[in-house]
Amino acid sequence: MHDDEFSTETALDAASALHRVLAARTHRRKVMGQEVLVPGQLGEALHLPRIIRRLQSKQQKQRELGLEEFQDLWPTLSPATRDKVLDRIGWYNPKELDWEDKRSNRRPLPDADT
């Protein structure tokens, strides 16, 4: 997915999914001698709550600012993280689907090089 493919709605879906993906990561930490699992804090470090609030704003300018911030953040994510987010929001590239995949219910495009 390229940056310019995001709208405010899809960016909001992706930002929310990214927040859940990052929060699902846990870390072991010793607290008072006990080893505990704590949720990941990377979402907060990347300012995802602020981006999500802006994307949900009623003001167009705030939504555009949130979209711009998300588009700046997206390319910095690892390919594995981006794939997890896209999978969570159900985004797929129809050109990469198997012919047998039900989502590929389309006619094949003629190859430009044939």
C-alpha atoms as a PDB file:
ATOM      1  CA  MET A   1       0.000   0.000   0.000  1.00  0.00           C
ATOM      2  CA  HIS A   2       1.281   3.411  -0.890  1.00  0.00           C
ATOM      3  CA  ASP A   3       0.853   6.467   1.326  1.00  0.00           C
ATOM      4  CA  ASP A   4      -1.491   8.153  -1.117  1.00  0.00           C
ATOM      5  CA  GLU A   5      -3.944   5.236  -0.898  1.00  0.00           C
ATOM      6  CA  PHE A   6      -5.096   6.245   2.608  1.00  0.00           C
ATOM      7  CA  SER A   7      -8.205   8.303   3.151  1.00  0.00           C
ATOM      8  CA  THR A   8      -9.079   9.614   6.598  1.00  0.00           C
ATOM      9  CA  GLU A   9     -11.421   6.623   7.070  1.00  0.00           C
ATOM     10  CA  THR A  10      -8.900   3.971   6.043  1.00  0.00           C
ATOM     11  CA  ALA A  11      -6.149   5.739   7.995  1.00  0.00           C
ATOM     12  CA  LEU A  12      -8.365   5.676  11.088  1.00  0.00           C
ATOM     13  CA  ASP A  13      -9.005   1.944  10.629  1.00  0.00           C
ATOM     14  CA  ALA A  14      -5.304   1.284  10.093  1.00  0.00           C
ATOM     15  CA  ALA A  15      -4.207   3.482  13.033  1.00  0.00           C
ATOM     16  CA  SER A  16      -6.658   1.723  15.358  1.00  0.00           C
ATOM     17  CA  ALA A  17      -5.484  -1.690  14.148  1.00  0.00           C
ATOM     18  CA  LEU A  18      -1.850  -0.617  14.537  1.00  0.00           C
ATOM     19  CA  HIS A  19      -2.562   0.487  18.098  1.00  0.00           C
ATOM     20  CA  ARG A  20      -4.045  -2.969  18.866  1.00  0.00           C
ATOM     21  CA  VAL A  21      -1.149  -4.775  17.137  1.00  0.00           C
ATOM     22  CA  LEU A  22       1.441  -2.826  19.133  1.00  0.00           C
ATOM     23  CA  ALA A  23      -0.477  -3.200  22.423  1.00  0.00           C
ATOM     24  CA  ALA A  24      -0.617  -6.974  21.877  1.00  0.00           C
ATOM     25  CA  ARG A  25       3.149  -7.121  22.137  1.00  0.00           C
ATOM     26  CA  THR A  26       4.146  -7.913  25.699  1.00  0.00           C
ATOM     27  CA  HIS A  27       7.402  -7.559  27.549  1.00  0.00           C
ATOM     28  CA  ARG A  28       8.738  -9.277  30.642  1.00  0.00           C
ATOM     29  CA  ARG A  29       9.599  -6.883  33.414  1.00  0.00           C
ATOM     30  CA  LYS A  30      10.616  -7.410  37.016  1.00  0.00           C
ATOM     31  CA  VAL A  31       8.398  -5.588  39.457  1.00  0.00           C
ATOM     32  CA  MET A  32       9.279  -5.985  43.144  1.00  0.00           C
ATOM     33  CA  GLY A  33      11.161  -9.192  42.385  1.00  0.00           C
ATOM     34  CA  GLN A  34       8.281 -10.723  40.412  1.00  0.00           C
ATOM     35  CA  GLU A  35       8.511 -11.199  36.669  1.00  0.00           C
ATOM     36  CA  VAL A  36       5.355  -9.817  35.026  1.00  0.00           C
ATOM     37  CA  LEU A  37       4.173  -9.350  31.466  1.00  0.00           C
ATOM     38  CA  VAL A  38       3.386  -5.753  30.557  1.00  0.00           C
ATOM     39  CA  PRO A  39       1.659  -4.565  27.369  1.00  0.00           C
ATOM     40  CA  GLY A  40       3.680  -2.815  24.711  1.00  0.00           C
ATOM     41  CA  GLN A  41       4.022   0.963  24.964  1.00  0.00           C
ATOM     42  CA  LEU A  42       5.190   1.632  21.414  1.00  0.00           C
ATOM     43  CA  GLY A  43       1.770   2.897  20.329  1.00  0.00           C
ATOM     44  CA  GLU A  44       1.962   5.682  22.897  1.00  0.00           C
ATOM     45  CA  ALA A  45       5.553   6.451  21.943  1.00  0.00           C
ATOM     46  CA  LEU A  46       4.457   6.834  18.304  1.00  0.00           C
ATOM     47  CA  HIS A  47       1.623   9.165  19.420  1.00  0.00           C
ATOM     48  CA  LEU A  48      -1.052   6.840  18.023  1.00  0.00           C
ATOM     49  CA  PRO A  49      -3.737   7.979  20.501  1.00  0.00           C
ATOM     50  CA  ARG A  50      -3.266  11.581  19.318  1.00  0.00           C
ATOM     51  CA  ILE A  51      -3.327  10.531  15.642  1.00  0.00           C
ATOM     52  CA  ILE A  52      -6.521   8.514  16.224  1.00  0.00           C
ATOM     53  CA  ARG A  53      -8.182  11.442  18.035  1.00  0.00           C
ATOM     54  CA  ARG A  54      -7.294  13.743  15.157  1.00  0.00           C
ATOM     55  CA  LEU A  55      -8.625  11.303  12.566  1.00  0.00           C
ATOM     56  CA  GLN A  56     -11.898  11.116  14.537  1.00  0.00           C
ATOM     57  CA  SER A  57     -12.181  14.893  14.881  1.00  0.00           C
ATOM     58  CA  LYS A  58     -15.208  16.763  13.565  1.00  0.00           C
ATOM     59  CA  GLN A  59     -12.910  19.452  12.186  1.00  0.00           C
ATOM     60  CA  GLN A  60     -11.636  18.802   8.664  1.00  0.00           C
ATOM     61  CA  LYS A  61      -8.295  20.465   9.415  1.00  0.00           C
ATOM     62  CA  GLN A  62      -7.672  18.139  12.366  1.00  0.00           C
ATOM     63  CA  ARG A  63      -8.574  15.067  10.277  1.00  0.00           C
ATOM     64  CA  GLU A  64      -6.184  16.187   7.537  1.00  0.00           C
ATOM     65  CA  LEU A  65      -3.450  16.711  10.137  1.00  0.00           C
ATOM     66  CA  GLY A  66      -4.090  13.225  11.543  1.00  0.00           C
ATOM     67  CA  LEU A  67      -3.966  11.756   8.038  1.00  0.00           C
ATOM     68  CA  GLU A  68      -0.681  13.516   7.333  1.00  0.00           C
ATOM     69  CA  GLU A  69       0.829  12.278  10.606  1.00  0.00           C
ATOM     70  CA  PHE A  70      -0.303   8.719   9.889  1.00  0.00           C
ATOM     71  CA  GLN A  71       1.088   8.851   6.354  1.00  0.00           C
ATOM     72  CA  ASP A  72       4.416  10.015   7.802  1.00  0.00           C
ATOM     73  CA  LEU A  73       4.389   7.147  10.313  1.00  0.00           C
ATOM     74  CA  TRP A  74       3.320   4.332   7.948  1.00  0.00           C
ATOM     75  CA  PRO A  75       6.571   3.980   5.919  1.00  0.00           C
ATOM     76  CA  THR A  76       8.626   3.793   9.142  1.00  0.00           C
ATOM     77  CA  LEU A  77       6.875   0.590  10.242  1.00  0.00           C
ATOM     78  CA  SER A  78       8.397  -2.785   9.515  1.00  0.00           C
ATOM     79  CA  PRO A  79       6.900  -4.756   6.624  1.00  0.00           C
ATOM     80  CA  ALA A  80       5.722  -7.435   9.090  1.00  0.00           C
ATOM     81  CA  THR A  81       3.893  -4.854  11.204  1.00  0.00           C
ATOM     82  CA  ARG A  82       2.314  -3.264   8.128  1.00  0.00           C
ATOM     83  CA  ASP A  83       1.166  -6.713   6.941  1.00  0.00           C
ATOM     84  CA  LYS A  84      -0.416  -7.432  10.342  1.00  0.00           C
ATOM     85  CA  VAL A  85      -2.260  -4.108  10.276  1.00  0.00           C
ATOM     86  CA  LEU A  86      -3.490  -4.584   6.700  1.00  0.00           C
ATOM     87  CA  ASP A  87      -4.619  -8.106   7.550  1.00  0.00           C
ATOM     88  CA  ARG A  88      -6.561  -6.827  10.579  1.00  0.00           C
ATOM     89  CA  ILE A  89      -8.431  -4.240   8.535  1.00  0.00           C
ATOM     90  CA  GLY A  90      -9.102  -6.746   5.767  1.00  0.00           C
ATOM     91  CA  TRP A  91      -7.084  -4.851   3.151  1.00  0.00           C
ATOM     92  CA  TYR A  92      -5.729  -6.890   0.274  1.00  0.00           C
ATOM     93  CA  ASN A  93      -4.270  -6.350  -3.155  1.00  0.00           C
ATOM     94  CA  PRO A  94      -6.486  -8.129  -5.693  1.00  0.00           C
ATOM     95  CA  LYS A  95      -3.536  -8.535  -8.061  1.00  0.00           C
ATOM     96  CA  GLU A  96      -1.744 -10.708  -5.480  1.00  0.00           C
ATOM     97  CA  LEU A  97      -4.652 -13.103  -4.920  1.00  0.00           C
ATOM     98  CA  ASP A  98      -4.843 -16.685  -6.133  1.00  0.00           C
ATOM     99  CA  TRP A  99      -7.371 -17.300  -8.864  1.00  0.00           C
ATOM    100  CA  GLU A 100      -9.163 -19.705  -6.496  1.00  0.00           C
ATOM    101  CA  ASP A 101      -9.477 -17.056  -3.756  1.00  0.00           C
ATOM    102  CA  LYS A 102     -13.123 -15.967  -3.458  1.00  0.00           C
ATOM    103  CA  ARG A 103     -12.049 -12.328  -3.181  1.00  0.00           C
ATOM    104  CA  SER A 104     -10.495 -12.582  -6.649  1.00  0.00           C
ATOM    105  CA  ASN A 105     -13.882 -12.820  -8.322  1.00  0.00           C
ATOM    106  CA  ARG A 106     -12.787 -10.817 -11.323  1.00  0.00           C
ATOM    107  CA  ARG A 107     -11.714 -11.340 -14.876  1.00  0.00           C
ATOM    108  CA  PRO A 108      -7.972 -11.588 -15.431  1.00  0.00           C
ATOM    109  CA  LEU A 109      -6.401  -8.455 -16.814  1.00  0.00           C
ATOM    110  CA  PRO A 110      -4.573  -8.901 -20.131  1.00  0.00           C
ATOM    111  CA  ASP A 111      -0.829  -8.609 -19.689  1.00  0.00           C
ATOM    112  CA  ALA A 112       0.593  -5.441 -21.146  1.00  0.00           C
ATOM    113  CA  ASP A 113       3.745  -7.230 -22.318  1.00  0.00           C
ATOM    114  CA  THR A 114       1.979  -9.931 -24.379  1.00  0.00           C
END
